[in-house]
C-alpha atoms as a PDB file:
ATOM      1  CA  UNK A   1     139.222 -58.562 116.841  1.00  0.00           C
ATOM      2  CA  UNK A   2     142.491 -59.825 115.694  1.00  0.00           C
ATOM      3  CA  UNK A   3     143.794 -56.210 115.345  1.00  0.00           C
ATOM      4  CA  UNK A   4     143.069 -55.582 118.961  1.00  0.00           C
ATOM      5  CA  UNK A   5     144.691 -58.728 120.210  1.00  0.00           C
ATOM      6  CA  UNK A   6     147.650 -57.894 118.061  1.00  0.00           C
ATOM      7  CA  UNK A   7     147.701 -54.339 119.290  1.00  0.00           C
ATOM      8  CA  UNK A   8     147.571 -55.466 123.010  1.00  0.00           C
ATOM      9  CA  UNK A   9     150.326 -57.939 122.244  1.00  0.00           C
ATOM     10  CA  UNK A  10     152.599 -55.172 120.689  1.00  0.00           C
ATOM     11  CA  UNK A  11     151.855 -53.003 123.667  1.00  0.00           C
ATOM     12  CA  UNK A  12     152.644 -55.526 126.264  1.00  0.00           C
ATOM     13  CA  UNK A  13     155.969 -56.568 124.672  1.00  0.00           C
ATOM     14  CA  UNK A  14     157.228 -53.027 123.865  1.00  0.00           C
ATOM     15  CA  UNK A  15     160.169 -52.136 125.782  1.00  0.00           C
ATOM     16  CA  UNK A  16     160.555 -48.423 124.867  1.00  0.00           C
ATOM     17  CA  UNK A  17     158.362 -47.386 127.859  1.00  0.00           C
ATOM     18  CA  UNK A  18     160.501 -49.507 130.233  1.00  0.00           C
ATOM     19  CA  UNK A  19     163.677 -47.887 128.900  1.00  0.00           C
ATOM     20  CA  UNK A  20     162.216 -44.390 129.682  1.00  0.00           C
ATOM     21  CA  UNK A  21     161.213 -45.495 133.131  1.00  0.00           C
ATOM     22  CA  UNK A  22     164.756 -46.843 133.852  1.00  0.00           C
ATOM     23  CA  UNK A  23     166.331 -43.596 132.711  1.00  0.00           C
ATOM     24  CA  UNK A  24     163.870 -41.614 134.822  1.00  0.00           C
ATOM     25  CA  UNK A  25     164.999 -43.555 137.942  1.00  0.00           C
ATOM     26  CA  UNK A  26     168.606 -43.166 137.028  1.00  0.00           C
ATOM     27  CA  UNK A  27     168.034 -39.395 136.995  1.00  0.00           C
ATOM     28  CA  UNK A  28     166.246 -39.369 140.185  1.00  0.00           C
ATOM     29  CA  UNK A  29     168.834 -41.287 141.898  1.00  0.00           C
ATOM     30  CA  UNK A  30     171.540 -39.032 140.726  1.00  0.00           C
ATOM     31  CA  UNK A  31     169.530 -36.051 141.820  1.00  0.00           C
ATOM     32  CA  UNK A  32     169.061 -37.431 145.235  1.00  0.00           C
ATOM     33  CA  UNK A  33     172.846 -38.098 145.417  1.00  0.00           C
ATOM     34  CA  UNK A  34     173.659 -34.484 144.309  1.00  0.00           C
ATOM     35  CA  UNK A  35     171.229 -33.087 146.862  1.00  0.00           C
ATOM     36  CA  UNK A  36     172.565 -35.122 149.604  1.00  0.00           C
ATOM     37  CA  UNK A  37     176.180 -34.100 148.735  1.00  0.00           C
ATOM     38  CA  UNK A  38     175.273 -30.362 148.585  1.00  0.00           C
ATOM     39  CA  UNK A  39     173.534 -30.407 151.891  1.00  0.00           C
ATOM     40  CA  UNK A  40     176.422 -32.212 153.601  1.00  0.00           C
ATOM     41  CA  UNK A  41     179.059 -29.953 152.078  1.00  0.00           C
ATOM     42  CA  UNK A  42     176.925 -26.961 152.481  1.00  0.00           C
ATOM     43  CA  UNK A  43     177.435 -26.744 156.267  1.00  0.00           C
ATOM     44  CA  UNK A  44     181.153 -26.815 155.920  1.00  0.00           C
ATOM     45  CA  UNK A  45     181.236 -24.346 152.975  1.00  0.00           C
ATOM     46  CA  UNK A  46     179.047 -21.892 155.131  1.00  0.00           C
ATOM     47  CA  UNK A  47     181.571 -21.963 157.962  1.00  0.00           C
ATOM     48  CA  UNK A  48     184.572 -21.478 155.339  1.00  0.00           C
ATOM     49  CA  UNK A  49     182.622 -18.424 153.593  1.00  0.00           C
ATOM     50  CA  UNK A  50     182.038 -16.898 157.066  1.00  0.00           C
ATOM     51  CA  UNK A  51     185.826 -17.073 157.883  1.00  0.00           C
ATOM     52  CA  UNK A  52     186.720 -15.598 154.593  1.00  0.00           C
ATOM     53  CA  UNK A  53     184.174 -12.783 155.243  1.00  0.00           C
ATOM     54  CA  UNK A  54     185.412 -12.142 158.734  1.00  0.00           C
ATOM     55  CA  UNK A  55     189.203 -12.064 157.320  1.00  0.00           C
ATOM     56  CA  UNK A  56     188.212  -9.476 154.683  1.00  0.00           C
END
């Protein structure tokens, strides 16, 4: 029984999983920022490429 209680305590205070979750959240936020930037710049770049194509 003491092993079970000690195992639960170890699991409760283990911070390795929390670190993985934090890194996952950071990666997700960076991905959202990149997607937003690409979508915002995509419209402008589309017009630029259309002008270059027309000039050629």
